[in-house]
Amino acid sequence: MNTIHHKLALYVGIFFCLFVFLYICLRLLISSAFFSPSNRINVLFYSEVPVYFSLEKNGEVHYTTSFQAEGRVAVPGGYGVYRLGALGKLAYLEKNPELLNRSFSRITGSMLNYYFYPRTDTIFYGKKDGVHLPSIGDIFLLESNANVFDRLYLWLQFIGKRTTDFHEIHIKKIVTGDDILLSDTTFAEQYLGYFYQKRFRKENKTVQILYSSSYMAAKNISRIIDGEGIRVVDIDIDQGPKLKTKSCIVMENTTGRYSYAAEKIASFFQCSLARGKGRVSDIVVELGEGEKLWE
């Protein structure tokens, strides 16, 4: 009798574990790039020569650009100017790979969907650049914010492609002595519209950004939102009490479901969603404490 009970308990345990496993896999699949409503997927592969890709889903217009390890960029979050080759070690020491996400999103004026980076605190050196496609090892073995289904989707996107299938774009460099500073403002002006999401343009939502003290943080965020195809119509200082102690909030003038634009802004900039009416726009982004992440 005890043997029967043990077997029954074993079968129930196996069934329960299998059910949980399949449930988790299903959730990961549904939230993966396979079912993303975005028409563009932006990906960074951080290595000796960091490479950025913007892939058009179900299309043929793909963009790419590469970066020199010796290039310098202002890292959002009050870290100052860093060499790109040392940015990975900074993220490693800070235990914050989001620094890679924010830095390269700021440079390109787009929202990075996925970023891949080494598991170690390696520092890269050199002035060489040039686009190279990721290997199967890069996609499946590097650290990333991508789940297993995202990695599979990206592998399917890159398989069979050549570098000539991508339109290469270039970021203007400001050279002063041995310093190479990447100009994100010039890049945004030159390539504004390249990374537009069709769904954002179709929704045609407008955004107002409210900040407490850092106009630069608001401007950085504005360039990224604009670069995705969501119109920022106003950047203003908020006179409300204790805005800086509040968490970032994305308010939308709606009584129904939030727009995709509002959901995407809230998700990318780590804000909460709320309903409310803005004075000059459909969506209001109150930066609050989120301001310090983009200074």
Protein backbone atom coordinates (compact mmCIF):
# COMPACT_ATOMS: atom_id res chain seq x y z
CA MET A 1 0.00 0.00 0.00
CA ASN A 2 2.83 2.36 0.89
CA THR A 3 4.49 1.50 -2.40
CA ILE A 4 1.36 2.55 -4.29
CA HIS A 5 1.21 5.83 -2.37
CA HIS A 6 4.89 6.51 -3.06
CA LYS A 7 4.41 5.88 -6.76
CA LEU A 8 1.33 8.10 -6.85
CA ALA A 9 3.18 10.89 -5.06
CA LEU A 10 6.08 10.49 -7.49
CA TYR A 11 3.78 10.72 -10.52
CA VAL A 12 1.99 13.75 -9.08
CA GLY A 13 5.34 15.41 -8.39
CA ILE A 14 6.60 14.71 -11.91
CA PHE A 15 3.35 15.99 -13.42
CA PHE A 16 3.46 19.14 -11.28
CA CYS A 17 7.12 19.85 -12.21
CA LEU A 18 6.34 19.27 -15.88
CA PHE A 19 3.31 21.58 -15.70
CA VAL A 20 5.35 24.35 -14.06
CA PHE A 21 8.15 23.90 -16.61
CA LEU A 22 5.74 24.11 -19.56
CA TYR A 23 3.97 27.11 -18.00
CA ILE A 24 7.27 28.99 -17.60
CA CYS A 25 8.31 28.09 -21.16
CA LEU A 26 4.96 29.29 -22.52
CA ARG A 27 5.28 32.61 -20.69
CA LEU A 28 8.82 33.10 -21.96
CA LEU A 29 7.72 32.30 -25.50
CA ILE A 30 4.75 34.69 -25.43
CA SER A 31 6.95 37.51 -24.08
CA SER A 32 9.76 36.80 -26.56
CA ALA A 33 10.71 38.52 -29.80
CA PHE A 34 8.61 35.96 -31.71
CA PHE A 35 5.45 37.70 -30.52
CA SER A 36 6.75 41.25 -30.07
CA PRO A 37 4.44 43.84 -31.67
CA SER A 38 7.47 45.98 -32.57
CA ASN A 39 8.41 46.06 -36.22
CA ARG A 40 12.07 46.67 -35.28
CA ILE A 41 14.35 44.75 -32.94
CA ASN A 42 17.44 46.66 -31.73
CA VAL A 43 20.36 44.52 -30.53
CA LEU A 44 23.85 45.23 -29.16
CA PHE A 45 26.72 42.76 -29.13
CA TYR A 46 29.34 44.21 -26.79
CA SER A 47 32.87 42.92 -27.44
CA GLU A 48 36.28 44.18 -28.59
CA VAL A 49 34.36 45.88 -31.40
CA PRO A 50 30.82 46.56 -30.17
CA VAL A 51 28.22 46.22 -32.93
CA TYR A 52 24.64 47.51 -32.96
CA PHE A 53 21.93 46.07 -35.20
CA SER A 54 18.43 47.30 -35.95
CA LEU A 55 16.48 44.47 -37.58
CA GLU A 56 13.19 45.00 -39.38
CA LYS A 57 10.79 42.19 -38.54
CA ASN A 58 9.35 40.63 -41.68
CA GLY A 59 11.24 43.17 -43.76
CA GLU A 60 14.51 43.79 -45.54
CA VAL A 61 15.63 47.19 -44.21
CA HIS A 62 18.27 46.47 -41.57
CA TYR A 63 20.80 48.88 -40.09
CA THR A 64 24.08 48.40 -38.29
CA THR A 65 26.96 50.40 -36.88
CA SER A 66 30.18 49.49 -35.07
CA PHE A 67 32.16 51.27 -32.36
CA GLN A 68 35.82 51.61 -31.47
CA ALA A 69 36.89 50.47 -28.03
CA GLU A 70 38.83 53.73 -27.68
CA GLY A 71 35.70 55.78 -28.34
CA ARG A 72 34.42 57.75 -25.36
CA VAL A 73 30.83 58.28 -24.38
CA ALA A 74 28.98 59.90 -21.49
CA VAL A 75 27.51 57.11 -19.38
CA PRO A 76 24.03 57.96 -18.00
CA GLY A 77 23.70 57.81 -14.25
CA GLY A 78 26.36 60.33 -13.26
CA TYR A 79 29.34 58.14 -14.20
CA GLY A 80 30.92 60.74 -16.46
CA VAL A 81 32.75 59.97 -19.70
CA TYR A 82 34.07 56.42 -20.20
CA ARG A 83 35.93 54.52 -22.86
CA LEU A 84 33.60 52.06 -24.53
CA GLY A 85 36.20 49.35 -24.06
CA ALA A 86 36.00 49.84 -20.27
CA LEU A 87 32.23 50.16 -20.11
CA GLY A 88 31.77 46.42 -19.74
CA LYS A 89 34.04 46.33 -16.69
CA LEU A 90 32.15 49.26 -15.16
CA ALA A 91 28.87 47.38 -15.62
CA TYR A 92 30.49 44.24 -14.16
CA LEU A 93 31.84 46.01 -11.07
CA GLU A 94 28.58 47.88 -10.53
CA LYS A 95 26.64 44.64 -11.09
CA ASN A 96 24.47 46.66 -13.42
CA PRO A 97 24.47 45.56 -17.09
CA GLU A 98 21.72 48.13 -17.67
CA LEU A 99 24.59 50.63 -18.00
CA LEU A 100 25.31 49.05 -21.39
CA ASN A 101 21.67 49.37 -22.34
CA ARG A 102 21.38 53.02 -21.32
CA SER A 103 24.73 54.06 -22.80
CA PHE A 104 24.16 52.59 -26.25
CA SER A 105 20.49 53.62 -26.32
CA ARG A 106 21.67 57.16 -25.63
CA ILE A 107 24.28 57.01 -28.40
CA THR A 108 21.92 55.63 -31.03
CA GLY A 109 18.76 57.44 -29.94
CA SER A 110 16.79 54.18 -29.85
CA MET A 111 15.50 51.69 -27.29
CA LEU A 112 17.73 48.64 -27.13
CA ASN A 113 15.65 45.49 -26.92
CA TYR A 114 18.50 43.08 -26.25
CA TYR A 115 22.16 43.38 -25.32
CA PHE A 116 24.85 40.70 -25.15
CA TYR A 117 28.08 41.00 -23.20
CA PRO A 118 30.95 38.86 -21.82
CA ARG A 119 30.65 37.08 -18.49
CA THR A 120 33.95 38.60 -17.27
CA ASP A 121 35.30 42.07 -16.47
CA THR A 122 37.40 42.18 -19.65
CA ILE A 123 38.69 45.58 -20.80
CA PHE A 124 39.03 46.08 -24.55
CA TYR A 125 41.55 48.31 -26.32
CA GLY A 126 42.08 49.46 -29.88
CA LYS A 127 40.81 51.79 -32.58
CA LYS A 128 39.63 49.19 -35.05
CA ASP A 129 35.98 49.03 -36.02
CA GLY A 130 33.94 47.33 -38.69
CA VAL A 131 30.72 45.36 -38.74
CA HIS A 132 30.83 41.63 -38.05
CA LEU A 133 27.85 39.34 -37.65
CA PRO A 134 27.36 37.51 -34.34
CA SER A 135 28.32 33.85 -34.17
CA ILE A 136 26.07 31.15 -32.77
CA GLY A 137 28.27 31.24 -29.65
CA ASP A 138 27.69 34.99 -29.25
CA ILE A 139 23.94 34.51 -29.41
CA PHE A 140 23.61 31.49 -27.13
CA LEU A 141 26.58 31.73 -24.75
CA LEU A 142 27.10 35.43 -23.93
CA GLU A 143 25.31 37.03 -20.97
CA SER A 144 22.17 38.84 -22.06
CA ASN A 145 18.78 40.16 -21.06
CA ALA A 146 17.37 37.92 -23.83
CA ASN A 147 15.62 34.70 -22.84
CA VAL A 148 16.15 31.41 -24.66
CA PHE A 149 13.36 32.09 -27.18
CA ASP A 150 14.68 35.60 -27.88
CA ARG A 151 18.08 34.05 -28.60
CA LEU A 152 16.50 31.49 -30.92
CA TYR A 153 14.60 34.24 -32.75
CA LEU A 154 17.77 36.32 -33.21
CA TRP A 155 19.71 33.28 -34.44
CA LEU A 156 17.01 32.70 -37.07
CA GLN A 157 17.24 36.35 -38.10
CA PHE A 158 21.00 36.32 -38.55
CA ILE A 159 21.39 32.88 -40.08
CA GLY A 160 22.12 33.13 -43.79
CA LYS A 161 22.67 36.89 -43.70
CA ARG A 162 25.83 38.70 -44.76
CA THR A 163 27.16 42.09 -43.72
CA THR A 164 26.06 43.43 -47.12
CA ASP A 165 22.44 42.76 -46.09
CA PHE A 166 22.76 45.60 -43.56
CA HIS A 167 22.87 49.31 -44.30
CA GLU A 168 25.85 50.62 -42.34
CA ILE A 169 25.45 53.97 -40.60
CA HIS A 170 28.16 56.02 -38.95
CA ILE A 171 28.35 58.00 -35.73
CA LYS A 172 30.26 61.25 -35.98
CA LYS A 173 33.48 61.27 -33.95
CA ILE A 174 34.92 64.35 -32.27
CA VAL A 175 38.70 63.81 -32.16
CA THR A 176 40.71 65.86 -29.66
CA GLY A 177 44.30 64.65 -29.36
CA ASP A 178 44.06 60.97 -28.47
CA ASP A 179 40.44 61.26 -27.36
CA ILE A 180 37.61 60.05 -29.60
CA LEU A 181 34.25 61.33 -28.36
CA LEU A 182 31.09 59.95 -29.95
CA SER A 183 28.51 62.61 -30.80
CA ASP A 184 25.08 61.28 -29.91
CA THR A 185 23.36 64.58 -30.71
CA THR A 186 24.72 64.64 -34.27
CA PHE A 187 23.78 61.00 -34.70
CA ALA A 188 20.20 61.69 -33.60
CA GLU A 189 19.90 64.63 -35.99
CA GLN A 190 21.39 62.75 -38.94
CA TYR A 191 19.53 59.47 -38.53
CA LEU A 192 16.28 60.59 -36.91
CA GLY A 193 13.54 58.38 -38.35
CA TYR A 194 15.72 55.41 -39.23
CA PHE A 195 14.57 53.42 -36.19
CA TYR A 196 10.94 54.53 -36.12
CA GLN A 197 8.44 51.91 -34.99
CA LYS A 198 5.45 51.84 -37.35
CA ARG A 199 3.02 51.12 -34.52
CA PHE A 200 4.12 54.24 -32.64
CA ARG A 201 3.65 56.38 -35.75
CA LYS A 202 0.21 54.87 -36.27
CA GLU A 203 -0.83 55.58 -32.67
CA ASN A 204 0.43 59.17 -33.13
CA LYS A 205 0.76 59.84 -29.39
CA THR A 206 2.45 62.98 -28.06
CA VAL A 207 4.66 63.14 -24.97
CA GLN A 208 5.57 65.77 -22.41
CA ILE A 209 8.60 65.19 -20.17
CA LEU A 210 8.71 66.76 -16.70
CA TYR A 211 12.01 66.91 -14.80
CA SER A 212 13.03 68.34 -11.44
CA SER A 213 16.62 69.49 -11.91
CA SER A 214 18.43 67.79 -14.80
CA TYR A 215 17.47 69.12 -18.21
CA MET A 216 20.23 66.92 -19.69
CA ALA A 217 18.53 63.76 -18.37
CA ALA A 218 15.21 64.89 -19.87
CA LYS A 219 16.93 65.68 -23.17
CA ASN A 220 18.60 62.26 -23.29
CA ILE A 221 15.26 60.56 -22.73
CA SER A 222 13.59 62.82 -25.27
CA ARG A 223 16.07 61.83 -28.01
CA ILE A 224 15.39 58.14 -27.40
CA ILE A 225 11.61 58.54 -27.40
CA ASP A 226 11.75 60.72 -30.53
CA GLY A 227 14.08 58.23 -32.16
CA GLU A 228 11.47 55.50 -31.74
CA GLY A 229 8.84 57.59 -33.53
CA ILE A 230 6.91 58.97 -30.53
CA ARG A 231 6.66 62.77 -30.68
CA VAL A 232 8.00 64.69 -27.70
CA VAL A 233 6.22 68.04 -27.83
CA ASP A 234 7.46 69.59 -24.59
CA ILE A 235 10.22 69.33 -21.98
CA ASP A 236 9.49 71.33 -18.85
CA ILE A 237 10.58 71.65 -15.25
CA ASP A 238 8.00 70.39 -12.80
CA GLN A 239 7.05 72.76 -9.99
CA GLY A 240 5.16 70.12 -8.06
CA PRO A 241 6.26 69.21 -4.52
CA LYS A 242 8.87 66.52 -3.93
CA LEU A 243 8.96 65.33 -7.52
CA LYS A 244 12.54 64.18 -7.08
CA THR A 245 11.58 61.72 -4.33
CA LYS A 246 8.85 60.11 -6.41
CA SER A 247 9.35 57.13 -8.66
CA CYS A 248 9.14 57.69 -12.41
CA ILE A 249 5.52 57.79 -13.60
CA VAL A 250 4.07 57.60 -17.11
CA MET A 251 0.57 59.09 -17.17
CA GLU A 252 -1.75 58.70 -20.14
CA ASN A 253 -5.00 60.45 -20.88
CA THR A 254 -7.16 57.34 -21.27
CA THR A 255 -9.98 55.52 -19.51
CA GLY A 256 -9.36 52.25 -21.34
CA ARG A 257 -6.29 50.21 -22.12
CA TYR A 258 -2.93 51.97 -22.17
CA SER A 259 -1.43 52.62 -25.58
CA TYR A 260 1.56 50.61 -26.74
CA ALA A 261 3.62 53.82 -26.64
CA ALA A 262 2.82 54.41 -22.95
CA GLU A 263 3.52 50.77 -22.06
CA LYS A 264 6.83 50.76 -23.94
CA ILE A 265 8.04 54.04 -22.40
CA ALA A 266 7.13 52.82 -18.91
CA SER A 267 8.83 49.47 -19.44
CA PHE A 268 12.04 50.83 -20.96
CA PHE A 269 12.56 53.70 -18.51
CA GLN A 270 11.42 51.64 -15.49
CA CYS A 271 8.38 53.77 -14.70
CA SER A 272 4.97 52.91 -13.34
CA LEU A 273 1.82 53.48 -15.38
CA ALA A 274 -1.04 55.73 -14.29
CA ARG A 275 -4.06 57.44 -15.80
CA GLY A 276 -4.15 61.21 -15.84
CA LYS A 277 -4.63 64.19 -18.11
CA GLY A 278 -1.71 66.25 -19.35
CA ARG A 279 -1.83 69.91 -20.30
CA VAL A 280 -0.16 69.68 -23.71
CA SER A 281 0.17 65.98 -24.58
CA ASP A 282 -1.43 62.54 -24.56
CA ILE A 283 1.31 61.08 -22.35
CA VAL A 284 3.20 62.75 -19.50
CA VAL A 285 6.49 61.33 -18.23
CA GLU A 286 7.30 62.52 -14.69
CA LEU A 287 10.92 61.50 -14.21
CA GLY A 288 11.11 61.70 -10.43
CA GLU A 289 13.88 59.45 -9.12
CA GLY A 290 14.30 58.02 -12.61
CA GLU A 291 15.99 61.27 -13.58
CA LYS A 292 19.29 60.26 -11.96
CA LEU A 293 19.54 57.16 -14.18
CA TRP A 294 19.84 59.33 -17.30
CA GLU A 295 21.87 62.33 -16.15
